[in-house]
Amino acid sequence: MLTFNKNYFVFAILIFFIEVLIALFVNDSFVRPYLGDVLVVILIYCFLKSFLKLPVLPVAIFVLIFSFAIEFFQFLNIVEMLHLEKSKIARTVIGTSFSWVDLLTYIVGIAIVIVVEKYRLKKEQVENTSL
């Protein structure tokens, strides 16, 4: 179950840097609020798959549930409840405002993961049968 997958880890690092760049330099009405949320679930998925050798669907569902939970905690104002409202890192990582649209962006991100993984696995099967 525990492993190290270099490819997933590289993707996680790459997406992390993209997310940092978005957070630091993009302040628009599409990339930061929507694309950033799509990418964050892909980032979490790739990070988990870097260290866990588990099937795609359970990891994808876990990431979606985790993301929904964070969004629910935003609804409960968890940053304020933990007295972290002055921490820019906490406000950025946990978030401060609930949005139904964020839930949709998480679903889109996980859907992208599932489609890409299905394509990748199918391609691997074809390559393995042609050997």
N, C-alpha and C. Protein backbone atom coordinates (compact mmCIF):
# COMPACT_ATOMS: atom_id res chain seq x y z
N MET A 1 0.82 -1.20 0.00
CA MET A 1 0.00 0.00 0.00
C MET A 1 0.87 1.27 0.00
N LEU A 2 1.91 1.33 0.82
CA LEU A 2 2.82 2.47 0.79
C LEU A 2 3.83 2.29 -0.33
N THR A 3 4.08 3.37 -1.02
CA THR A 3 4.99 3.33 -2.15
C THR A 3 5.50 4.74 -2.41
N PHE A 4 6.34 4.90 -3.38
CA PHE A 4 6.69 6.24 -3.85
C PHE A 4 6.60 6.23 -5.36
N ASN A 5 5.70 7.04 -5.88
CA ASN A 5 5.51 7.15 -7.31
C ASN A 5 6.04 8.51 -7.75
N LYS A 6 7.17 8.48 -8.42
CA LYS A 6 7.85 9.70 -8.83
C LYS A 6 6.97 10.55 -9.76
N ASN A 7 6.24 9.91 -10.67
CA ASN A 7 5.43 10.67 -11.62
C ASN A 7 4.34 11.48 -10.93
N TYR A 8 3.62 10.83 -10.02
CA TYR A 8 2.57 11.55 -9.29
C TYR A 8 3.18 12.67 -8.45
N PHE A 9 4.34 12.40 -7.86
CA PHE A 9 4.99 13.39 -7.02
C PHE A 9 5.40 14.61 -7.84
N VAL A 10 5.95 14.38 -9.02
CA VAL A 10 6.33 15.49 -9.90
C VAL A 10 5.10 16.30 -10.30
N PHE A 11 4.00 15.63 -10.63
CA PHE A 11 2.76 16.34 -10.96
C PHE A 11 2.27 17.16 -9.77
N ALA A 12 2.34 16.58 -8.57
CA ALA A 12 1.90 17.29 -7.37
C ALA A 12 2.74 18.55 -7.16
N ILE A 13 4.05 18.43 -7.30
CA ILE A 13 4.93 19.59 -7.12
C ILE A 13 4.65 20.65 -8.18
N LEU A 14 4.48 20.22 -9.43
CA LEU A 14 4.18 21.15 -10.52
C LEU A 14 2.87 21.90 -10.27
N ILE A 15 1.83 21.16 -9.89
CA ILE A 15 0.54 21.81 -9.62
C ILE A 15 0.64 22.72 -8.41
N PHE A 16 1.41 22.30 -7.40
CA PHE A 16 1.60 23.15 -6.23
C PHE A 16 2.21 24.50 -6.63
N PHE A 17 3.24 24.47 -7.47
CA PHE A 17 3.86 25.71 -7.91
C PHE A 17 2.89 26.56 -8.74
N ILE A 18 2.08 25.92 -9.56
CA ILE A 18 1.06 26.66 -10.32
C ILE A 18 0.08 27.32 -9.35
N GLU A 19 -0.34 26.59 -8.32
CA GLU A 19 -1.26 27.14 -7.32
C GLU A 19 -0.63 28.33 -6.59
N VAL A 20 0.64 28.22 -6.24
CA VAL A 20 1.33 29.33 -5.57
C VAL A 20 1.37 30.55 -6.49
N LEU A 21 1.69 30.33 -7.76
CA LEU A 21 1.72 31.44 -8.72
C LEU A 21 0.35 32.08 -8.86
N ILE A 22 -0.69 31.26 -8.90
CA ILE A 22 -2.05 31.79 -8.98
C ILE A 22 -2.36 32.63 -7.74
N ALA A 23 -2.01 32.09 -6.56
CA ALA A 23 -2.30 32.81 -5.31
C ALA A 23 -1.55 34.14 -5.22
N LEU A 24 -0.32 34.15 -5.72
CA LEU A 24 0.50 35.35 -5.59
C LEU A 24 0.25 36.40 -6.67
N PHE A 25 -0.05 35.94 -7.89
CA PHE A 25 -0.04 36.88 -9.00
C PHE A 25 -1.35 37.02 -9.78
N VAL A 26 -2.32 36.18 -9.52
CA VAL A 26 -3.55 36.25 -10.30
C VAL A 26 -4.69 36.70 -9.39
N ASN A 27 -5.35 37.75 -9.83
CA ASN A 27 -6.49 38.26 -9.06
C ASN A 27 -7.60 38.60 -10.04
N ASP A 28 -8.13 37.55 -10.67
CA ASP A 28 -9.16 37.75 -11.68
C ASP A 28 -10.46 37.09 -11.23
N SER A 29 -11.40 36.99 -12.14
CA SER A 29 -12.69 36.42 -11.78
C SER A 29 -12.89 35.00 -12.31
N PHE A 30 -11.83 34.38 -12.87
CA PHE A 30 -11.97 33.01 -13.34
C PHE A 30 -10.86 32.09 -12.85
N VAL A 31 -9.61 32.44 -13.16
CA VAL A 31 -8.50 31.54 -12.86
C VAL A 31 -8.39 31.30 -11.36
N ARG A 32 -8.31 32.36 -10.60
CA ARG A 32 -8.11 32.18 -9.15
C ARG A 32 -9.30 31.49 -8.48
N PRO A 33 -10.52 31.94 -8.70
CA PRO A 33 -11.62 31.30 -7.96
C PRO A 33 -12.05 29.94 -8.50
N TYR A 34 -11.92 29.71 -9.80
CA TYR A 34 -12.45 28.46 -10.36
C TYR A 34 -11.35 27.48 -10.74
N LEU A 35 -10.44 27.90 -11.59
CA LEU A 35 -9.37 27.00 -12.02
C LEU A 35 -8.49 26.59 -10.84
N GLY A 36 -8.25 27.51 -9.93
CA GLY A 36 -7.48 27.19 -8.73
C GLY A 36 -8.12 26.08 -7.91
N ASP A 37 -9.44 26.11 -7.79
CA ASP A 37 -10.16 25.07 -7.04
C ASP A 37 -10.19 23.74 -7.78
N VAL A 38 -10.27 23.79 -9.09
CA VAL A 38 -10.18 22.56 -9.89
C VAL A 38 -8.81 21.92 -9.68
N LEU A 39 -7.78 22.76 -9.74
CA LEU A 39 -6.41 22.25 -9.61
C LEU A 39 -6.10 21.73 -8.20
N VAL A 40 -6.71 22.32 -7.19
CA VAL A 40 -6.35 21.91 -5.82
C VAL A 40 -6.74 20.46 -5.55
N VAL A 41 -7.88 20.00 -6.07
CA VAL A 41 -8.23 18.59 -5.84
C VAL A 41 -7.33 17.66 -6.65
N ILE A 42 -6.90 18.11 -7.81
CA ILE A 42 -5.95 17.31 -8.60
C ILE A 42 -4.61 17.24 -7.87
N LEU A 43 -4.20 18.36 -7.28
CA LEU A 43 -2.98 18.39 -6.48
C LEU A 43 -3.05 17.41 -5.31
N ILE A 44 -4.13 17.43 -4.56
CA ILE A 44 -4.28 16.53 -3.42
C ILE A 44 -4.27 15.09 -3.89
N TYR A 45 -4.98 14.80 -4.96
CA TYR A 45 -5.01 13.44 -5.51
C TYR A 45 -3.61 12.98 -5.88
N CYS A 46 -2.88 13.80 -6.64
CA CYS A 46 -1.53 13.41 -7.07
C CYS A 46 -0.61 13.23 -5.87
N PHE A 47 -0.74 14.09 -4.87
CA PHE A 47 0.10 13.96 -3.68
C PHE A 47 -0.18 12.63 -2.97
N LEU A 48 -1.44 12.29 -2.79
CA LEU A 48 -1.78 11.02 -2.14
C LEU A 48 -1.29 9.83 -2.96
N LYS A 49 -1.48 9.89 -4.27
CA LYS A 49 -1.05 8.79 -5.14
C LYS A 49 0.48 8.68 -5.20
N SER A 50 1.18 9.75 -4.79
CA SER A 50 2.64 9.69 -4.73
C SER A 50 3.11 8.69 -3.69
N PHE A 51 2.30 8.49 -2.66
CA PHE A 51 2.72 7.67 -1.52
C PHE A 51 1.83 6.46 -1.26
N LEU A 52 0.68 6.42 -1.88
CA LEU A 52 -0.26 5.32 -1.64
C LEU A 52 -0.56 4.59 -2.94
N LYS A 53 -0.37 3.28 -2.91
CA LYS A 53 -0.70 2.48 -4.08
C LYS A 53 -2.11 1.94 -3.87
N LEU A 54 -3.08 2.75 -4.25
CA LEU A 54 -4.49 2.41 -4.11
C LEU A 54 -5.19 2.66 -5.44
N PRO A 55 -6.32 2.01 -5.65
CA PRO A 55 -7.06 2.25 -6.89
C PRO A 55 -7.52 3.70 -7.03
N VAL A 56 -7.73 4.10 -8.25
CA VAL A 56 -8.09 5.48 -8.58
C VAL A 56 -9.35 5.92 -7.85
N LEU A 57 -10.42 5.17 -7.98
CA LEU A 57 -11.72 5.62 -7.48
C LEU A 57 -11.74 5.86 -5.97
N PRO A 58 -11.23 4.96 -5.13
CA PRO A 58 -11.25 5.26 -3.69
C PRO A 58 -10.46 6.53 -3.33
N VAL A 59 -9.32 6.74 -3.96
CA VAL A 59 -8.54 7.94 -3.68
C VAL A 59 -9.29 9.18 -4.16
N ALA A 60 -9.87 9.10 -5.35
CA ALA A 60 -10.61 10.23 -5.91
C ALA A 60 -11.81 10.58 -5.02
N ILE A 61 -12.53 9.57 -4.56
CA ILE A 61 -13.69 9.81 -3.69
C ILE A 61 -13.24 10.39 -2.36
N PHE A 62 -12.14 9.87 -1.80
CA PHE A 62 -11.62 10.42 -0.55
C PHE A 62 -11.28 11.90 -0.71
N VAL A 63 -10.60 12.25 -1.80
CA VAL A 63 -10.21 13.65 -2.04
C VAL A 63 -11.46 14.52 -2.17
N LEU A 64 -12.47 14.02 -2.85
CA LEU A 64 -13.70 14.80 -3.00
C LEU A 64 -14.38 15.00 -1.65
N ILE A 65 -14.47 13.96 -0.84
CA ILE A 65 -15.07 14.08 0.49
C ILE A 65 -14.26 15.04 1.36
N PHE A 66 -12.94 14.91 1.31
CA PHE A 66 -12.06 15.80 2.06
C PHE A 66 -12.29 17.26 1.65
N SER A 67 -12.37 17.50 0.35
CA SER A 67 -12.58 18.86 -0.16
C SER A 67 -13.93 19.41 0.26
N PHE A 68 -14.94 18.57 0.19
CA PHE A 68 -16.27 18.98 0.65
C PHE A 68 -16.24 19.30 2.14
N ALA A 69 -15.50 18.51 2.92
CA ALA A 69 -15.41 18.75 4.36
C ALA A 69 -14.76 20.10 4.65
N ILE A 70 -13.68 20.41 3.93
CA ILE A 70 -13.03 21.70 4.11
C ILE A 70 -14.00 22.83 3.78
N GLU A 71 -14.75 22.65 2.72
CA GLU A 71 -15.74 23.68 2.33
C GLU A 71 -16.81 23.82 3.42
N PHE A 72 -17.24 22.70 3.99
CA PHE A 72 -18.22 22.73 5.08
C PHE A 72 -17.63 23.47 6.29
N PHE A 73 -16.34 23.22 6.59
CA PHE A 73 -15.70 23.93 7.69
C PHE A 73 -15.64 25.43 7.41
N GLN A 74 -15.50 25.79 6.15
CA GLN A 74 -15.55 27.22 5.80
C GLN A 74 -16.94 27.78 6.12
N PHE A 75 -17.97 26.99 5.83
CA PHE A 75 -19.35 27.40 6.15
C PHE A 75 -19.49 27.66 7.65
N LEU A 76 -18.79 26.86 8.46
CA LEU A 76 -18.83 27.01 9.92
C LEU A 76 -17.87 28.07 10.45
N ASN A 77 -17.14 28.73 9.53
CA ASN A 77 -16.14 29.74 9.90
C ASN A 77 -15.06 29.16 10.80
N ILE A 78 -14.49 28.03 10.38
CA ILE A 78 -13.51 27.33 11.19
C ILE A 78 -12.26 28.17 11.47
N VAL A 79 -11.86 29.01 10.53
CA VAL A 79 -10.67 29.85 10.75
C VAL A 79 -10.89 30.75 11.96
N GLU A 80 -12.07 31.34 12.05
CA GLU A 80 -12.38 32.19 13.20
C GLU A 80 -12.52 31.36 14.48
N MET A 81 -13.15 30.19 14.37
CA MET A 81 -13.34 29.33 15.54
C MET A 81 -11.99 28.91 16.13
N LEU A 82 -10.98 28.73 15.27
CA LEU A 82 -9.64 28.35 15.72
C LEU A 82 -8.78 29.57 16.04
N HIS A 83 -9.36 30.76 15.92
CA HIS A 83 -8.65 32.02 16.18
C HIS A 83 -7.43 32.19 15.27
N LEU A 84 -7.62 31.82 14.01
CA LEU A 84 -6.54 31.93 13.02
C LEU A 84 -6.82 33.01 11.98
N GLU A 85 -7.78 33.88 12.26
CA GLU A 85 -8.17 34.87 11.26
C GLU A 85 -7.04 35.83 10.88
N LYS A 86 -6.02 35.97 11.73
CA LYS A 86 -4.89 36.85 11.41
C LYS A 86 -3.79 36.12 10.65
N SER A 87 -3.93 34.81 10.48
CA SER A 87 -2.92 34.02 9.77
C SER A 87 -3.27 33.96 8.29
N LYS A 88 -2.44 34.62 7.49
CA LYS A 88 -2.66 34.61 6.04
C LYS A 88 -2.55 33.20 5.48
N ILE A 89 -1.64 32.39 6.00
CA ILE A 89 -1.48 31.01 5.54
C ILE A 89 -2.75 30.21 5.84
N ALA A 90 -3.26 30.31 7.06
CA ALA A 90 -4.48 29.57 7.42
C ALA A 90 -5.65 30.02 6.56
N ARG A 91 -5.76 31.32 6.36
CA ARG A 91 -6.87 31.84 5.56
C ARG A 91 -6.77 31.36 4.11
N THR A 92 -5.54 31.23 3.59
CA THR A 92 -5.35 30.78 2.21
C THR A 92 -5.57 29.28 2.09
N VAL A 93 -4.97 28.51 2.99
CA VAL A 93 -5.04 27.05 2.89
C VAL A 93 -6.44 26.53 3.22
N ILE A 94 -6.99 27.00 4.32
CA ILE A 94 -8.31 26.51 4.74
C ILE A 94 -9.42 27.24 4.00
N GLY A 95 -9.22 28.50 3.76
CA GLY A 95 -10.25 29.31 3.11
C GLY A 95 -11.15 29.94 4.15
N THR A 96 -11.88 30.94 3.71
CA THR A 96 -12.71 31.69 4.67
C THR A 96 -14.16 31.83 4.26
N SER A 97 -14.50 31.45 3.05
CA SER A 97 -15.89 31.66 2.64
C SER A 97 -16.43 30.43 1.91
N PHE A 98 -17.58 30.00 2.34
CA PHE A 98 -18.26 28.86 1.73
C PHE A 98 -18.86 29.28 0.39
N SER A 99 -18.80 28.36 -0.58
CA SER A 99 -19.41 28.62 -1.88
C SER A 99 -19.89 27.31 -2.48
N TRP A 100 -21.14 27.32 -2.92
CA TRP A 100 -21.66 26.13 -3.61
C TRP A 100 -20.89 25.88 -4.90
N VAL A 101 -20.45 26.95 -5.53
CA VAL A 101 -19.70 26.83 -6.79
C VAL A 101 -18.39 26.07 -6.55
N ASP A 102 -17.77 26.28 -5.39
CA ASP A 102 -16.53 25.56 -5.08
C ASP A 102 -16.77 24.05 -5.09
N LEU A 103 -17.90 23.63 -4.57
CA LEU A 103 -18.22 22.19 -4.58
C LEU A 103 -18.27 21.68 -6.02
N LEU A 104 -18.83 22.48 -6.90
CA LEU A 104 -18.89 22.10 -8.32
C LEU A 104 -17.49 22.04 -8.93
N THR A 105 -16.62 22.99 -8.58
CA THR A 105 -15.26 22.96 -9.13
C THR A 105 -14.50 21.74 -8.64
N TYR A 106 -14.75 21.32 -7.40
CA TYR A 106 -14.10 20.11 -6.89
C TYR A 106 -14.57 18.88 -7.67
N ILE A 107 -15.85 18.84 -7.98
CA ILE A 107 -16.39 17.73 -8.77
C ILE A 107 -15.75 17.72 -10.16
N VAL A 108 -15.61 18.89 -10.76
CA VAL A 108 -14.98 18.98 -12.08
C VAL A 108 -13.54 18.49 -12.01
N GLY A 109 -12.81 18.90 -10.99
CA GLY A 109 -11.42 18.47 -10.83
C GLY A 109 -11.31 16.96 -10.69
N ILE A 110 -12.16 16.37 -9.86
CA ILE A 110 -12.13 14.91 -9.67
C ILE A 110 -12.57 14.20 -10.95
N ALA A 111 -13.51 14.78 -11.66
CA ALA A 111 -13.93 14.18 -12.94
C ALA A 111 -12.75 14.17 -13.92
N ILE A 112 -11.99 15.24 -13.95
CA ILE A 112 -10.80 15.29 -14.81
C ILE A 112 -9.82 14.19 -14.39
N VAL A 113 -9.60 14.03 -13.09
CA VAL A 113 -8.71 12.98 -12.58
C VAL A 113 -9.18 11.61 -13.07
N ILE A 114 -10.45 11.32 -12.91
CA ILE A 114 -10.98 10.00 -13.27
C ILE A 114 -10.85 9.75 -14.77
N VAL A 115 -11.16 10.75 -15.59
CA VAL A 115 -11.05 10.60 -17.05
C VAL A 115 -9.59 10.38 -17.46
N VAL A 116 -8.69 11.19 -16.92
CA VAL A 116 -7.28 11.05 -17.27
C VAL A 116 -6.73 9.70 -16.81
N GLU A 117 -7.09 9.30 -15.60
CA GLU A 117 -6.62 8.01 -15.09
C GLU A 117 -7.19 6.85 -15.90
N LYS A 118 -8.44 6.94 -16.28
CA LYS A 118 -9.04 5.89 -17.10
C LYS A 118 -8.31 5.78 -18.44
N TYR A 119 -8.02 6.91 -19.05
CA TYR A 119 -7.28 6.93 -20.31
C TYR A 119 -5.88 6.35 -20.13
N ARG A 120 -5.21 6.77 -19.04
CA ARG A 120 -3.85 6.31 -18.77
C ARG A 120 -3.82 4.81 -18.52
N LEU A 121 -4.76 4.31 -17.74
CA LEU A 121 -4.81 2.88 -17.45
C LEU A 121 -5.12 2.06 -18.70
N LYS A 122 -6.01 2.58 -19.52
CA LYS A 122 -6.35 1.89 -20.77
C LYS A 122 -5.12 1.84 -21.68
N LYS A 123 -4.38 2.94 -21.74
CA LYS A 123 -3.18 3.00 -22.56
C LYS A 123 -2.13 2.02 -22.04
N GLU A 124 -1.98 1.92 -20.71
CA GLU A 124 -1.03 0.96 -20.12
C GLU A 124 -1.43 -0.48 -20.45
N GLN A 125 -2.71 -0.78 -20.42
CA GLN A 125 -3.17 -2.13 -20.73
C GLN A 125 -2.86 -2.48 -22.17
N VAL A 126 -3.06 -1.54 -23.08
CA VAL A 126 -2.77 -1.77 -24.50
C VAL A 126 -1.27 -2.01 -24.68
N GLU A 127 -0.47 -1.20 -24.02
CA GLU A 127 1.00 -1.36 -24.13
C GLU A 127 1.44 -2.69 -23.55
N ASN A 128 0.86 -3.12 -22.46
CA ASN A 128 1.24 -4.39 -21.82
C ASN A 128 0.81 -5.60 -22.65
N THR A 129 -0.33 -5.51 -23.34
CA THR A 129 -0.78 -6.64 -24.15
C THR A 129 -0.01 -6.73 -25.46
N SER A 130 0.57 -5.62 -25.89
CA SER A 130 1.33 -5.66 -27.16
C SER A 130 2.78 -6.10 -26.94
N LEU A 131 3.17 -6.26 -25.69
CA LEU A 131 4.54 -6.74 -25.42
C LEU A 131 4.58 -8.18 -25.62
